[in-house]
Amino acid sequence: MRLVLAGSFAVLTAGCGSTMQVMSSGPDTYYVITSSVLGLGVSEEDKALAEAAAVDRCRRDGMRMQVTSIASRTRDYGSARGAASTLHFRCVP
């Protein structure tokens, strides 16, 4: 019984993390999308992870990151909430 409950808990909490993807939108211009599934809504941690990914991307080219815009939204999925943030940035010398 304990094994079944532990396995169920692991499956339920596995969906609570964030996903992140950095994509190019032009020369030295990028955006990062983070989304939390089954989370509690937009978190400062998700935004911080997006900014860290942006900084890392620019450092690869010996540049620094400059935010051009950031937007966040939440959605209700019945008893859970999801969130997504989009950070637009460019790499500057």
PDB file of N, CA and C in Angstrom:
ATOM      1  N   MET A   1       0.822  -1.196   0.000  1.00  0.00           N
ATOM      2  CA  MET A   1       0.000   0.000   0.000  1.00  0.00           C
ATOM      3  C   MET A   1       0.865   1.259   0.000  1.00  0.00           C
ATOM      4  N   ARG A   2       1.923   1.258   0.816  1.00  0.00           N
ATOM      5  CA  ARG A   2       2.803   2.423   0.867  1.00  0.00           C
ATOM      6  C   ARG A   2       3.490   2.659  -0.473  1.00  0.00           C
ATOM      7  N   LEU A   3       3.874   1.577  -1.134  1.00  0.00           N
ATOM      8  CA  LEU A   3       4.529   1.690  -2.425  1.00  0.00           C
ATOM      9  C   LEU A   3       3.595   2.315  -3.454  1.00  0.00           C
ATOM     10  N   VAL A   4       2.347   1.922  -3.456  1.00  0.00           N
ATOM     11  CA  VAL A   4       1.359   2.473  -4.381  1.00  0.00           C
ATOM     12  C   VAL A   4       1.164   3.964  -4.116  1.00  0.00           C
ATOM     13  N   LEU A   5       1.051   4.358  -2.849  1.00  0.00           N
ATOM     14  CA  LEU A   5       0.875   5.767  -2.509  1.00  0.00           C
ATOM     15  C   LEU A   5       2.105   6.580  -2.870  1.00  0.00           C
ATOM     16  N   ALA A   6       3.284   6.038  -2.623  1.00  0.00           N
ATOM     17  CA  ALA A   6       4.522   6.747  -2.962  1.00  0.00           C
ATOM     18  C   ALA A   6       4.630   6.933  -4.473  1.00  0.00           C
ATOM     19  N   GLY A   7       4.279   5.910  -5.234  1.00  0.00           N
ATOM     20  CA  GLY A   7       4.314   6.011  -6.692  1.00  0.00           C
ATOM     21  C   GLY A   7       3.321   7.027  -7.216  1.00  0.00           C
ATOM     22  N   SER A   8       2.129   7.060  -6.632  1.00  0.00           N
ATOM     23  CA  SER A   8       1.116   8.032  -7.046  1.00  0.00           C
ATOM     24  C   SER A   8       1.570   9.448  -6.743  1.00  0.00           C
ATOM     25  N   PHE A   9       2.183   9.647  -5.583  1.00  0.00           N
ATOM     26  CA  PHE A   9       2.684  10.968  -5.210  1.00  0.00           C
ATOM     27  C   PHE A   9       3.768  11.422  -6.186  1.00  0.00           C
ATOM     28  N   ALA A  10       4.669  10.517  -6.568  1.00  0.00           N
ATOM     29  CA  ALA A  10       5.731  10.851  -7.508  1.00  0.00           C
ATOM     30  C   ALA A  10       5.161  11.267  -8.862  1.00  0.00           C
ATOM     31  N   VAL A  11       4.141  10.568  -9.328  1.00  0.00           N
ATOM     32  CA  VAL A  11       3.517  10.915 -10.609  1.00  0.00           C
ATOM     33  C   VAL A  11       2.838  12.276 -10.521  1.00  0.00           C
ATOM     34  N   LEU A  12       2.149  12.535  -9.437  1.00  0.00           N
ATOM     35  CA  LEU A  12       1.444  13.811  -9.285  1.00  0.00           C
ATOM     36  C   LEU A  12       2.397  14.983  -9.176  1.00  0.00           C
ATOM     37  N   THR A  13       3.489  14.828  -8.439  1.00  0.00           N
ATOM     38  CA  THR A  13       4.415  15.946  -8.263  1.00  0.00           C
ATOM     39  C   THR A  13       5.331  16.123  -9.458  1.00  0.00           C
ATOM     40  N   ALA A  14       5.470  15.119 -10.295  1.00  0.00           N
ATOM     41  CA  ALA A  14       6.338  15.247 -11.467  1.00  0.00           C
ATOM     42  C   ALA A  14       5.836  16.320 -12.413  1.00  0.00           C
ATOM     43  N   GLY A  15       4.546  16.568 -12.447  1.00  0.00           N
ATOM     44  CA  GLY A  15       3.992  17.574 -13.340  1.00  0.00           C
ATOM     45  C   GLY A  15       4.033  18.978 -12.792  1.00  0.00           C
ATOM     46  N   CYS A  16       4.578  19.177 -11.605  1.00  0.00           N
ATOM     47  CA  CYS A  16       4.566  20.493 -10.978  1.00  0.00           C
ATOM     48  C   CYS A  16       5.754  21.344 -11.358  1.00  0.00           C
ATOM     49  N   GLY A  17       6.668  20.848 -12.153  1.00  0.00           N
ATOM     50  CA  GLY A  17       7.857  21.596 -12.510  1.00  0.00           C
ATOM     51  C   GLY A  17       7.617  22.554 -13.642  1.00  0.00           C
ATOM     52  N   SER A  18       8.693  23.179 -14.060  1.00  0.00           N
ATOM     53  CA  SER A  18       8.634  24.144 -15.146  1.00  0.00           C
ATOM     54  C   SER A  18       9.346  23.594 -16.361  1.00  0.00           C
ATOM     55  N   THR A  19       8.917  24.037 -17.523  1.00  0.00           N
ATOM     56  CA  THR A  19       9.636  23.747 -18.749  1.00  0.00           C
ATOM     57  C   THR A  19      10.100  25.072 -19.323  1.00  0.00           C
ATOM     58  N   MET A  20      11.208  25.029 -20.049  1.00  0.00           N
ATOM     59  CA  MET A  20      11.772  26.269 -20.563  1.00  0.00           C
ATOM     60  C   MET A  20      12.425  26.003 -21.910  1.00  0.00           C
ATOM     61  N   GLN A  21      12.307  26.977 -22.803  1.00  0.00           N
ATOM     62  CA  GLN A  21      12.902  26.845 -24.124  1.00  0.00           C
ATOM     63  C   GLN A  21      13.375  28.223 -24.580  1.00  0.00           C
ATOM     64  N   VAL A  22      14.635  28.325 -25.037  1.00  0.00           N
ATOM     65  CA  VAL A  22      15.188  29.565 -25.581  1.00  0.00           C
ATOM     66  C   VAL A  22      15.166  29.445 -27.095  1.00  0.00           C
ATOM     67  N   MET A  23      14.598  30.458 -27.764  1.00  0.00           N
ATOM     68  CA  MET A  23      14.508  30.429 -29.225  1.00  0.00           C
ATOM     69  C   MET A  23      14.969  31.755 -29.820  1.00  0.00           C
ATOM     70  N   SER A  24      15.534  31.680 -30.994  1.00  0.00           N
ATOM     71  CA  SER A  24      15.993  32.877 -31.705  1.00  0.00           C
ATOM     72  C   SER A  24      14.824  33.520 -32.436  1.00  0.00           C
ATOM     73  N   SER A  25      14.797  34.858 -32.409  1.00  0.00           N
ATOM     74  CA  SER A  25      13.761  35.575 -33.162  1.00  0.00           C
ATOM     75  C   SER A  25      14.376  36.594 -34.109  1.00  0.00           C
ATOM     76  N   GLY A  26      15.696  36.561 -34.251  1.00  0.00           N
ATOM     77  CA  GLY A  26      16.402  37.463 -35.142  1.00  0.00           C
ATOM     78  C   GLY A  26      17.869  37.520 -34.747  1.00  0.00           C
ATOM     79  N   PRO A  27      18.651  38.367 -35.415  1.00  0.00           N
ATOM     80  CA  PRO A  27      20.074  38.478 -35.074  1.00  0.00           C
ATOM     81  C   PRO A  27      20.250  38.987 -33.641  1.00  0.00           C
ATOM     82  N   ASP A  28      20.900  38.182 -32.802  1.00  0.00           N
ATOM     83  CA  ASP A  28      21.159  38.527 -31.398  1.00  0.00           C
ATOM     84  C   ASP A  28      19.884  38.838 -30.618  1.00  0.00           C
ATOM     85  N   THR A  29      18.741  38.371 -31.090  1.00  0.00           N
ATOM     86  CA  THR A  29      17.455  38.592 -30.432  1.00  0.00           C
ATOM     87  C   THR A  29      16.797  37.237 -30.179  1.00  0.00           C
ATOM     88  N   TYR A  30      16.294  37.054 -28.952  1.00  0.00           N
ATOM     89  CA  TYR A  30      15.783  35.755 -28.532  1.00  0.00           C
ATOM     90  C   TYR A  30      14.555  35.930 -27.651  1.00  0.00           C
ATOM     91  N   TYR A  31      13.916  34.802 -27.357  1.00  0.00           N
ATOM     92  CA  TYR A  31      12.892  34.794 -26.335  1.00  0.00           C
ATOM     93  C   TYR A  31      12.925  33.464 -25.598  1.00  0.00           C
ATOM     94  N   VAL A  32      12.505  33.514 -24.336  1.00  0.00           N
ATOM     95  CA  VAL A  32      12.451  32.343 -23.473  1.00  0.00           C
ATOM     96  C   VAL A  32      11.009  32.179 -23.043  1.00  0.00           C
ATOM     97  N   ILE A  33      10.480  30.976 -23.191  1.00  0.00           N
ATOM     98  CA  ILE A  33       9.132  30.675 -22.714  1.00  0.00           C
ATOM     99  C   ILE A  33       9.262  29.683 -21.571  1.00  0.00           C
ATOM    100  N   THR A  34       8.698  30.025 -20.431  1.00  0.00           N
ATOM    101  CA  THR A  34       8.627  29.084 -19.317  1.00  0.00           C
ATOM    102  C   THR A  34       7.165  28.776 -19.069  1.00  0.00           C
ATOM    103  N   SER A  35       6.885  27.548 -18.706  1.00  0.00           N
ATOM    104  CA  SER A  35       5.507  27.201 -18.353  1.00  0.00           C
ATOM    105  C   SER A  35       5.514  26.215 -17.206  1.00  0.00           C
ATOM    106  N   SER A  36       4.637  26.448 -16.261  1.00  0.00           N
ATOM    107  CA  SER A  36       4.476  25.572 -15.105  1.00  0.00           C
ATOM    108  C   SER A  36       3.156  24.839 -15.256  1.00  0.00           C
ATOM    109  N   VAL A  37       3.212  23.551 -15.247  1.00  0.00           N
ATOM    110  CA  VAL A  37       2.021  22.728 -15.359  1.00  0.00           C
ATOM    111  C   VAL A  37       1.647  22.243 -13.962  1.00  0.00           C
ATOM    112  N   LEU A  38       0.380  22.361 -13.625  1.00  0.00           N
ATOM    113  CA  LEU A  38      -0.116  21.996 -12.307  1.00  0.00           C
ATOM    114  C   LEU A  38       0.546  22.797 -11.201  1.00  0.00           C
ATOM    115  N   GLY A  39       1.026  24.006 -11.533  1.00  0.00           N
ATOM    116  CA  GLY A  39       1.655  24.853 -10.531  1.00  0.00           C
ATOM    117  C   GLY A  39       0.637  25.708  -9.818  1.00  0.00           C
ATOM    118  N   LEU A  40       1.124  26.637  -9.076  1.00  0.00           N
ATOM    119  CA  LEU A  40       0.261  27.532  -8.316  1.00  0.00           C
ATOM    120  C   LEU A  40       0.149  28.891  -8.990  1.00  0.00           C
ATOM    121  N   GLY A  41       0.512  28.981 -10.243  1.00  0.00           N
ATOM    122  CA  GLY A  41       0.437  30.241 -10.956  1.00  0.00           C
ATOM    123  C   GLY A  41       1.824  30.783 -11.245  1.00  0.00           C
ATOM    124  N   VAL A  42       1.881  32.012 -11.747  1.00  0.00           N
ATOM    125  CA  VAL A  42       3.143  32.642 -12.103  1.00  0.00           C
ATOM    126  C   VAL A  42       3.990  32.789 -10.848  1.00  0.00           C
ATOM    127  N   SER A  43       5.219  32.317 -10.924  1.00  0.00           N
ATOM    128  CA  SER A  43       6.096  32.433  -9.767  1.00  0.00           C
ATOM    129  C   SER A  43       7.328  33.239 -10.139  1.00  0.00           C
ATOM    130  N   GLU A  44       7.881  33.883  -9.144  1.00  0.00           N
ATOM    131  CA  GLU A  44       9.115  34.636  -9.353  1.00  0.00           C
ATOM    132  C   GLU A  44      10.250  33.683  -9.707  1.00  0.00           C
ATOM    133  N   GLU A  45      10.163  32.448  -9.237  1.00  0.00           N
ATOM    134  CA  GLU A  45      11.185  31.457  -9.552  1.00  0.00           C
ATOM    135  C   GLU A  45      11.208  31.156 -11.046  1.00  0.00           C
ATOM    136  N   ASP A  46      10.036  31.034 -11.673  1.00  0.00           N
ATOM    137  CA  ASP A  46       9.980  30.799 -13.124  1.00  0.00           C
ATOM    138  C   ASP A  46      10.609  31.958 -13.884  1.00  0.00           C
ATOM    139  N   LYS A  47      10.305  33.183 -13.458  1.00  0.00           N
ATOM    140  CA  LYS A  47      10.887  34.356 -14.115  1.00  0.00           C
ATOM    141  C   LYS A  47      12.404  34.385 -13.940  1.00  0.00           C
ATOM    142  N   ALA A  48      12.875  34.033 -12.739  1.00  0.00           N
ATOM    143  CA  ALA A  48      14.308  34.008 -12.479  1.00  0.00           C
ATOM    144  C   ALA A  48      15.005  32.954 -13.334  1.00  0.00           C
ATOM    145  N   LEU A  49      14.367  31.789 -13.512  1.00  0.00           N
ATOM    146  CA  LEU A  49      14.938  30.751 -14.370  1.00  0.00           C
ATOM    147  C   LEU A  49      15.025  31.220 -15.821  1.00  0.00           C
ATOM    148  N   ALA A  50      14.017  31.925 -16.281  1.00  0.00           N
ATOM    149  CA  ALA A  50      14.023  32.451 -17.647  1.00  0.00           C
ATOM    150  C   ALA A  50      15.147  33.467 -17.816  1.00  0.00           C
ATOM    151  N   GLU A  51      15.307  34.353 -16.845  1.00  0.00           N
ATOM    152  CA  GLU A  51      16.378  35.348 -16.920  1.00  0.00           C
ATOM    153  C   GLU A  51      17.746  34.689 -16.885  1.00  0.00           C
ATOM    154  N   ALA A  52      17.913  33.664 -16.066  1.00  0.00           N
ATOM    155  CA  ALA A  52      19.192  32.951 -15.996  1.00  0.00           C
ATOM    156  C   ALA A  52      19.513  32.286 -17.334  1.00  0.00           C
ATOM    157  N   ALA A  53      18.512  31.698 -17.979  1.00  0.00           N
ATOM    158  CA  ALA A  53      18.721  31.073 -19.291  1.00  0.00           C
ATOM    159  C   ALA A  53      19.104  32.122 -20.327  1.00  0.00           C
ATOM    160  N   ALA A  54      18.497  33.297 -20.245  1.00  0.00           N
ATOM    161  CA  ALA A  54      18.809  34.383 -21.172  1.00  0.00           C
ATOM    162  C   ALA A  54      20.242  34.870 -20.973  1.00  0.00           C
ATOM    163  N   VAL A  55      20.635  35.044 -19.722  1.00  0.00           N
ATOM    164  CA  VAL A  55      22.007  35.479 -19.414  1.00  0.00           C
ATOM    165  C   VAL A  55      23.007  34.457 -19.937  1.00  0.00           C
ATOM    166  N   ASP A  56      22.734  33.167 -19.701  1.00  0.00           N
ATOM    167  CA  ASP A  56      23.631  32.113 -20.183  1.00  0.00           C
ATOM    168  C   ASP A  56      23.754  32.138 -21.698  1.00  0.00           C
ATOM    169  N   ARG A  57      22.640  32.359 -22.386  1.00  0.00           N
ATOM    170  CA  ARG A  57      22.664  32.377 -23.855  1.00  0.00           C
ATOM    171  C   ARG A  57      23.563  33.497 -24.363  1.00  0.00           C
ATOM    172  N   CYS A  58      23.451  34.671 -23.785  1.00  0.00           N
ATOM    173  CA  CYS A  58      24.265  35.801 -24.233  1.00  0.00           C
ATOM    174  C   CYS A  58      25.739  35.631 -23.857  1.00  0.00           C
ATOM    175  N   ARG A  59      26.002  35.059 -22.711  1.00  0.00           N
ATOM    176  CA  ARG A  59      27.395  34.842 -22.281  1.00  0.00           C
ATOM    177  C   ARG A  59      28.142  33.925 -23.229  1.00  0.00           C
ATOM    178  N   ARG A  60      27.424  32.994 -23.868  1.00  0.00           N
ATOM    179  CA  ARG A  60      28.074  32.101 -24.838  1.00  0.00           C
ATOM    180  C   ARG A  60      28.727  32.883 -25.961  1.00  0.00           C
ATOM    181  N   ASP A  61      28.173  34.054 -26.285  1.00  0.00           N
ATOM    182  CA  ASP A  61      28.720  34.894 -27.345  1.00  0.00           C
ATOM    183  C   ASP A  61      29.535  36.054 -26.781  1.00  0.00           C
ATOM    184  N   GLY A  62      29.820  36.030 -25.484  1.00  0.00           N
ATOM    185  CA  GLY A  62      30.607  37.101 -24.865  1.00  0.00           C
ATOM    186  C   GLY A  62      29.848  38.411 -24.755  1.00  0.00           C
ATOM    187  N   MET A  63      28.538  38.336 -24.654  1.00  0.00           N
ATOM    188  CA  MET A  63      27.706  39.535 -24.578  1.00  0.00           C
ATOM    189  C   MET A  63      26.921  39.538 -23.272  1.00  0.00           C
ATOM    190  N   ARG A  64      26.177  40.604 -23.053  1.00  0.00           N
ATOM    191  CA  ARG A  64      25.303  40.675 -21.888  1.00  0.00           C
ATOM    192  C   ARG A  64      23.856  40.727 -22.349  1.00  0.00           C
ATOM    193  N   MET A  65      22.962  40.330 -21.462  1.00  0.00           N
ATOM    194  CA  MET A  65      21.545  40.236 -21.789  1.00  0.00           C
ATOM    195  C   MET A  65      20.833  41.539 -21.466  1.00  0.00           C
ATOM    196  N   GLN A  66      19.949  41.950 -22.378  1.00  0.00           N
ATOM    197  CA  GLN A  66      19.111  43.133 -22.176  1.00  0.00           C
ATOM    198  C   GLN A  66      17.654  42.734 -22.432  1.00  0.00           C
ATOM    199  N   VAL A  67      16.810  42.859 -21.395  1.00  0.00           N
ATOM    200  CA  VAL A  67      15.396  42.511 -21.513  1.00  0.00           C
ATOM    201  C   VAL A  67      14.694  43.553 -22.379  1.00  0.00           C
ATOM    202  N   THR A  68      13.907  43.090 -23.342  1.00  0.00           N
ATOM    203  CA  THR A  68      13.098  44.008 -24.150  1.00  0.00           C
ATOM    204  C   THR A  68      11.629  43.963 -23.735  1.00  0.00           C
ATOM    205  N   SER A  69      11.154  42.810 -23.251  1.00  0.00           N
ATOM    206  CA  SER A  69       9.800  42.724 -22.709  1.00  0.00           C
ATOM    207  C   SER A  69       9.636  41.415 -21.951  1.00  0.00           C
ATOM    208  N   ILE A  70       8.660  41.415 -21.047  1.00  0.00           N
ATOM    209  CA  ILE A  70       8.324  40.202 -20.315  1.00  0.00           C
ATOM    210  C   ILE A  70       6.817  40.198 -20.074  1.00  0.00           C
ATOM    211  N   ALA A  71       6.206  39.045 -20.272  1.00  0.00           N
ATOM    212  CA  ALA A  71       4.757  38.916 -20.072  1.00  0.00           C
ATOM    213  C   ALA A  71       4.479  37.603 -19.364  1.00  0.00           C
ATOM    214  N   SER A  72       3.491  37.601 -18.482  1.00  0.00           N
ATOM    215  CA  SER A  72       3.099  36.398 -17.748  1.00  0.00           C
ATOM    216  C   SER A  72       1.595  36.239 -17.789  1.00  0.00           C
ATOM    217  N   ARG A  73       1.158  34.990 -17.708  1.00  0.00           N
ATOM    218  CA  ARG A  73      -0.288  34.732 -17.646  1.00  0.00           C
ATOM    219  C   ARG A  73      -0.523  33.452 -16.860  1.00  0.00           C
ATOM    220  N   THR A  74      -1.702  33.350 -16.282  1.00  0.00           N
ATOM    221  CA  THR A  74      -2.097  32.134 -15.574  1.00  0.00           C
ATOM    222  C   THR A  74      -3.375  31.595 -16.200  1.00  0.00           C
ATOM    223  N   ARG A  75      -3.565  30.316 -16.035  1.00  0.00           N
ATOM    224  CA  ARG A  75      -4.792  29.663 -16.514  1.00  0.00           C
ATOM    225  C   ARG A  75      -5.262  28.704 -15.449  1.00  0.00           C
ATOM    226  N   ASP A  76      -6.572  28.590 -15.316  1.00  0.00           N
ATOM    227  CA  ASP A  76      -7.153  27.638 -14.386  1.00  0.00           C
ATOM    228  C   ASP A  76      -7.477  26.352 -15.125  1.00  0.00           C
ATOM    229  N   TYR A  77      -7.087  25.240 -14.539  1.00  0.00           N
ATOM    230  CA  TYR A  77      -7.371  23.922 -15.083  1.00  0.00           C
ATOM    231  C   TYR A  77      -8.174  23.141 -14.051  1.00  0.00           C
ATOM    232  N   GLY A  78      -9.339  23.618 -13.744  1.00  0.00           N
ATOM    233  CA  GLY A  78     -10.142  22.961 -12.714  1.00  0.00           C
ATOM    234  C   GLY A  78      -9.591  23.262 -11.338  1.00  0.00           C
ATOM    235  N   SER A  79      -9.049  22.257 -10.679  1.00  0.00           N
ATOM    236  CA  SER A  79      -8.538  22.452  -9.327  1.00  0.00           C
ATOM    237  C   SER A  79      -7.075  22.884  -9.303  1.00  0.00           C
ATOM    238  N   ALA A  80      -6.426  22.964 -10.443  1.00  0.00           N
ATOM    239  CA  ALA A  80      -5.021  23.363 -10.519  1.00  0.00           C
ATOM    240  C   ALA A  80      -4.880  24.614 -11.382  1.00  0.00           C
ATOM    241  N   ARG A  81      -3.741  25.252 -11.251  1.00  0.00           N
ATOM    242  CA  ARG A  81      -3.451  26.424 -12.074  1.00  0.00           C
ATOM    243  C   ARG A  81      -2.156  26.193 -12.830  1.00  0.00           C
ATOM    244  N   GLY A  82      -2.077  26.754 -13.985  1.00  0.00           N
ATOM    245  CA  GLY A  82      -0.865  26.710 -14.773  1.00  0.00           C
ATOM    246  C   GLY A  82      -0.423  28.120 -15.061  1.00  0.00           C
ATOM    247  N   ALA A  83       0.836  28.291 -15.413  1.00  0.00           N
ATOM    248  CA  ALA A  83       1.365  29.617 -15.671  1.00  0.00           C
ATOM    249  C   ALA A  83       2.343  29.565 -16.830  1.00  0.00           C
ATOM    250  N   ALA A  84       2.478  30.677 -17.508  1.00  0.00           N
ATOM    251  CA  ALA A  84       3.461  30.802 -18.579  1.00  0.00           C
ATOM    252  C   ALA A  84       4.020  32.211 -18.560  1.00  0.00           C
ATOM    253  N   SER A  85       5.316  32.312 -18.795  1.00  0.00           N
ATOM    254  CA  SER A  85       5.986  33.606 -18.900  1.00  0.00           C
ATOM    255  C   SER A  85       6.803  33.609 -20.179  1.00  0.00           C
ATOM    256  N   THR A  86       6.842  34.742 -20.843  1.00  0.00           N
ATOM    257  CA  THR A  86       7.653  34.917 -22.046  1.00  0.00           C
ATOM    258  C   THR A  86       8.557  36.103 -21.847  1.00  0.00           C
ATOM    259  N   LEU A  87       9.860  35.869 -21.952  1.00  0.00           N
ATOM    260  CA  LEU A  87      10.880  36.904 -21.790  1.00  0.00           C
ATOM    261  C   LEU A  87      11.528  37.137 -23.145  1.00  0.00           C
ATOM    262  N   HIS A  88      11.389  38.337 -23.685  1.00  0.00           N
ATOM    263  CA  HIS A  88      12.071  38.720 -24.926  1.00  0.00           C
ATOM    264  C   HIS A  88      13.331  39.471 -24.536  1.00  0.00           C
ATOM    265  N   PHE A  89      14.443  39.157 -25.201  1.00  0.00           N
ATOM    266  CA  PHE A  89      15.693  39.810 -24.861  1.00  0.00           C
ATOM    267  C   PHE A  89      16.615  39.865 -26.070  1.00  0.00           C
ATOM    268  N   ARG A  90      17.640  40.672 -25.931  1.00  0.00           N
ATOM    269  CA  ARG A  90      18.675  40.689 -26.961  1.00  0.00           C
ATOM    270  C   ARG A  90      20.026  40.641 -26.286  1.00  0.00           C
ATOM    271  N   CYS A  91      21.018  40.200 -27.034  1.00  0.00           N
ATOM    272  CA  CYS A  91      22.384  40.137 -26.536  1.00  0.00           C
ATOM    273  C   CYS A  91      23.131  41.348 -27.079  1.00  0.00           C
ATOM    274  N   VAL A  92      23.702  42.113 -26.167  1.00  0.00           N
ATOM    275  CA  VAL A  92      24.413  43.332 -26.551  1.00  0.00           C
ATOM    276  C   VAL A  92      25.846  43.269 -26.050  1.00  0.00           C
ATOM    277  N   PRO A  93      26.767  43.956 -26.764  1.00  0.00           N
ATOM    278  CA  PRO A  93      28.189  43.942 -26.329  1.00  0.00           C
ATOM    279  C   PRO A  93      28.388  44.622 -24.989  1.00  0.00           C
TER     280      PRO A  93
END
